[in-house]
Protein backbone atom coordinates (compact mmCIF):
# COMPACT_ATOMS: atom_id res chain seq x y z
CA MET A 1 0.70 14.05 -5.04
CA ILE A 2 2.42 17.39 -5.29
CA ALA A 3 5.90 18.47 -4.27
CA THR A 4 5.88 21.09 -1.54
CA THR A 5 8.97 22.99 -2.70
CA GLU A 6 12.04 22.72 -4.87
CA ARG A 7 14.25 22.55 -1.75
CA ARG A 8 15.86 19.26 -0.74
CA TYR A 9 15.34 18.06 2.82
CA SER A 10 17.44 15.80 4.98
CA LEU A 11 15.76 12.71 6.37
CA GLU A 12 15.87 14.24 9.85
CA GLU A 13 14.17 17.44 8.61
CA TYR A 14 11.48 15.42 6.88
CA ARG A 15 10.75 13.34 9.96
CA ALA A 16 10.45 16.47 12.11
CA ILE A 17 8.02 17.98 9.59
CA ALA A 18 6.02 14.74 9.25
CA GLU A 19 5.61 14.41 13.02
CA THR A 20 3.87 17.78 13.32
CA SER A 21 2.20 18.10 9.93
CA THR A 22 -1.58 18.03 9.70
CA GLU A 23 -1.20 16.55 6.20
CA LYS A 24 0.36 13.25 5.20
CA CYS A 25 3.61 13.72 3.37
CA GLU A 26 5.95 11.21 1.79
CA TYR A 27 9.73 11.41 1.57
CA HIS A 28 11.31 10.82 -1.84
CA ASP A 29 15.09 10.99 -1.43
CA GLY A 30 15.23 14.62 -0.27
CA GLU A 31 11.89 15.74 -1.65
CA ILE A 32 8.75 16.08 0.48
CA ILE A 33 5.55 15.14 -1.32
CA THR A 34 2.24 16.25 0.18
CA MET A 35 -0.45 13.61 -0.27
CA THR A 36 -3.66 14.84 -1.85
CA GLY A 37 -7.07 13.93 -0.52
CA GLY A 38 -8.91 10.92 -1.87
CA THR A 39 -12.39 10.39 -3.24
CA LEU A 40 -15.35 8.81 -1.47
CA ASN A 41 -14.89 5.62 -3.53
CA HIS A 42 -11.17 5.54 -2.67
CA SER A 43 -11.92 5.84 1.03
CA ARG A 44 -14.68 3.22 0.93
CA ILE A 45 -12.55 0.74 -1.02
CA CYS A 46 -9.60 1.19 1.36
CA GLY A 47 -11.90 0.64 4.33
CA ASN A 48 -13.48 -2.42 2.72
CA ILE A 49 -10.11 -3.99 1.97
CA PHE A 50 -8.72 -3.30 5.44
CA SER A 51 -11.82 -4.59 7.25
CA SER A 52 -11.96 -7.71 5.04
CA LEU A 53 -8.29 -8.45 5.68
CA LYS A 54 -8.72 -7.82 9.41
CA PHE A 55 -11.65 -10.25 9.53
CA LEU A 56 -10.11 -12.94 7.30
CA LEU A 57 -6.79 -12.86 9.17
CA ARG A 58 -8.22 -12.95 12.69
CA ASN A 59 -6.80 -15.81 14.73
CA THR A 60 -3.60 -15.88 12.62
CA LYS A 61 -0.18 -14.32 13.12
CA LEU A 62 -0.78 -12.12 10.04
CA GLU A 63 -1.57 -8.47 10.73
CA PRO A 64 -3.10 -5.94 8.33
CA ILE A 65 -2.21 -2.27 8.78
CA ASN A 66 -4.00 0.71 7.23
CA SER A 67 -2.51 3.72 5.47
CA ASP A 68 -1.56 5.58 8.67
CA LEU A 69 1.80 3.82 8.97
CA ARG A 70 4.77 4.80 6.80
CA LEU A 71 6.66 2.16 4.85
CA TRP A 72 10.38 2.91 4.67
CA ILE A 73 12.17 1.65 1.55
CA PRO A 74 15.89 1.84 2.46
CA GLU A 75 17.34 1.13 -0.98
CA TYR A 76 15.53 4.16 -2.43
CA SER A 77 15.44 6.40 0.65
CA ARG A 78 11.65 6.59 0.42
CA GLY A 79 8.94 6.88 3.05
CA VAL A 80 5.52 6.09 1.57
CA TYR A 81 1.98 5.33 2.75
CA PRO A 82 0.44 2.33 0.94
CA ASP A 83 -3.34 2.05 1.26
CA ALA A 84 -2.92 -1.22 3.18
CA MET A 85 -0.16 -3.66 4.12
CA VAL A 86 -0.05 -7.08 5.75
CA PHE A 87 2.78 -8.38 7.92
CA ASP A 88 3.68 -11.95 8.75
CA GLY A 89 4.00 -11.98 12.53
CA PHE A 90 6.84 -9.71 13.53
CA ILE A 91 6.57 -6.13 12.28
CA GLN A 92 10.08 -4.81 11.78
CA LEU A 93 10.38 -1.15 12.69
CA ASN A 94 12.97 1.12 11.11
CA GLY A 95 15.40 1.42 14.03
CA ASP A 96 13.66 3.07 16.97
CA ARG A 97 11.00 4.66 14.74
CA GLN A 98 7.46 3.76 15.80
CA ASP A 99 6.05 5.28 12.59
CA GLU A 100 8.13 3.43 9.97
CA VAL A 101 7.99 -0.25 9.05
CA LEU A 102 10.18 -2.34 6.77
CA ASN A 103 8.76 -5.81 6.10
CA PRO A 104 5.26 -6.12 4.58
CA ILE A 105 4.44 -9.26 2.62
CA LEU A 106 1.38 -7.77 0.88
CA ILE A 107 0.95 -4.17 -0.27
CA VAL A 108 -2.34 -2.74 -1.56
CA GLU A 109 -2.72 0.44 -3.60
CA VAL A 110 -6.11 1.82 -4.63
CA LEU A 111 -5.45 3.56 -7.92
CA SER A 112 -6.18 7.23 -8.54
CA PRO A 113 -5.81 8.99 -11.89
CA SER A 114 -2.93 11.08 -10.50
CA THR A 115 -1.00 8.13 -9.02
CA GLU A 116 -1.87 5.12 -11.21
CA GLU A 117 1.19 5.23 -13.48
CA HIS A 118 3.56 5.78 -10.54
CA ASP A 119 1.93 2.95 -8.52
CA ARG A 120 2.31 0.54 -11.46
CA THR A 121 5.89 1.42 -12.39
CA ASN A 122 8.30 3.28 -10.13
CA LYS A 123 6.56 2.48 -6.87
CA PHE A 124 6.26 -1.22 -7.75
CA ARG A 125 9.96 -1.27 -8.69
CA MET A 126 10.84 0.24 -5.30
CA TYR A 127 8.53 -2.13 -3.42
CA ARG A 128 10.28 -5.09 -5.07
CA SER A 129 13.49 -4.12 -3.24
CA ILE A 130 11.80 -5.17 0.03
CA PRO A 131 12.89 -8.78 0.71
CA SER A 132 9.64 -9.84 2.47
CA PHE A 133 7.34 -8.33 -0.19
CA CYS A 134 5.65 -11.02 -2.30
CA GLU A 135 2.15 -9.84 -3.34
CA TYR A 136 0.90 -6.55 -4.75
CA LEU A 137 -2.77 -5.64 -5.25
CA LEU A 138 -3.75 -2.72 -7.48
CA VAL A 139 -7.42 -1.80 -7.20
CA ARG A 140 -9.34 0.48 -9.55
CA GLN A 141 -11.96 2.69 -8.00
CA ASN A 142 -14.02 3.56 -11.10
CA LYS A 143 -14.93 -0.04 -12.05
CA PRO A 144 -14.52 -3.55 -10.65
CA PHE A 145 -10.96 -4.37 -11.68
CA VAL A 146 -8.20 -5.71 -9.45
CA GLU A 147 -4.68 -6.68 -10.50
CA LEU A 148 -2.52 -9.06 -8.52
CA TYR A 149 1.24 -9.45 -8.86
CA SER A 150 2.64 -12.50 -7.09
CA LYS A 151 6.33 -13.22 -6.59
CA GLN A 152 7.27 -16.70 -7.80
CA SER A 153 10.65 -18.39 -8.20
CA GLU A 154 10.56 -17.54 -11.92
CA GLY A 155 9.63 -13.88 -11.33
CA TRP A 156 6.47 -11.86 -10.82
CA ILE A 157 3.23 -13.39 -12.14
CA PHE A 158 0.27 -11.17 -13.12
CA SER A 159 -3.45 -11.95 -12.71
CA ASP A 160 -6.46 -9.70 -13.08
CA PHE A 161 -10.05 -9.90 -11.88
CA ASP A 162 -13.01 -7.94 -13.26
CA SER A 163 -16.11 -9.72 -11.97
CA LEU A 164 -17.79 -9.08 -8.64
CA GLU A 165 -18.39 -12.85 -8.47
CA ASN A 166 -14.65 -13.64 -8.39
CA SER A 167 -12.34 -14.03 -5.43
CA ILE A 168 -8.61 -13.40 -5.33
CA SER A 169 -6.34 -16.11 -3.93
CA LEU A 170 -3.73 -14.37 -1.82
CA ASN A 171 -1.23 -17.17 -1.39
CA SER A 172 1.03 -15.28 1.00
CA LEU A 173 -1.93 -14.92 3.36
CA ASN A 174 -3.63 -18.25 2.60
CA ILE A 175 -7.00 -16.53 2.08
CA GLU A 176 -9.55 -15.75 -0.63
CA LEU A 177 -10.54 -12.07 -0.87
CA ALA A 178 -13.94 -11.58 -2.51
CA ILE A 179 -14.11 -8.85 -5.16
CA SER A 180 -17.66 -8.09 -3.99
CA GLU A 181 -16.27 -7.24 -0.53
CA ILE A 182 -13.66 -4.88 -1.99
CA TYR A 183 -16.41 -2.97 -3.83
CA ARG A 184 -19.15 -3.21 -1.18
CA GLY A 185 -21.18 0.02 -1.23
CA ILE A 186 -19.49 1.39 -4.35
CA LEU A 187 -21.65 2.87 -7.10
CA PHE A 188 -20.17 2.87 -10.60
């Protein structure tokens, strides 16, 4: 991610720019951040996760969404594009915006060297301000390694998975996501 300029933008200016931009750009409390392109592995992993979630959640009220839809985080005045999100039934839009949502239960980020620290720290802190949010998947693209943070009554619980033979129990979705499906077609 790179900042486009040192200038601060109003939310209305950002939304006007985002609607016509050929590049994805996030809004960070007055700053517009242009999203950099991903790698082949990043794209494949995102596609694998989305298609697996779509298949596993068919015939349920749960709906996975890919990275084309912006997640608005009101408490931090942020508009971001997670790699995947899942919603429990009703998708709450941000006012009359058709391009901003508010209430995912699961958020997935495929880690890149340039974003990994931010995804683990500041972004996770901001995501935790979303009342519906209860599971966070962080997926490495250079080796089989997936981290799961699950919200429990006593706080956030961490689990990690590093074997292609393992599956991840996503309790908020009531499914098992196979690590081998996340990394299908990936060469390490």
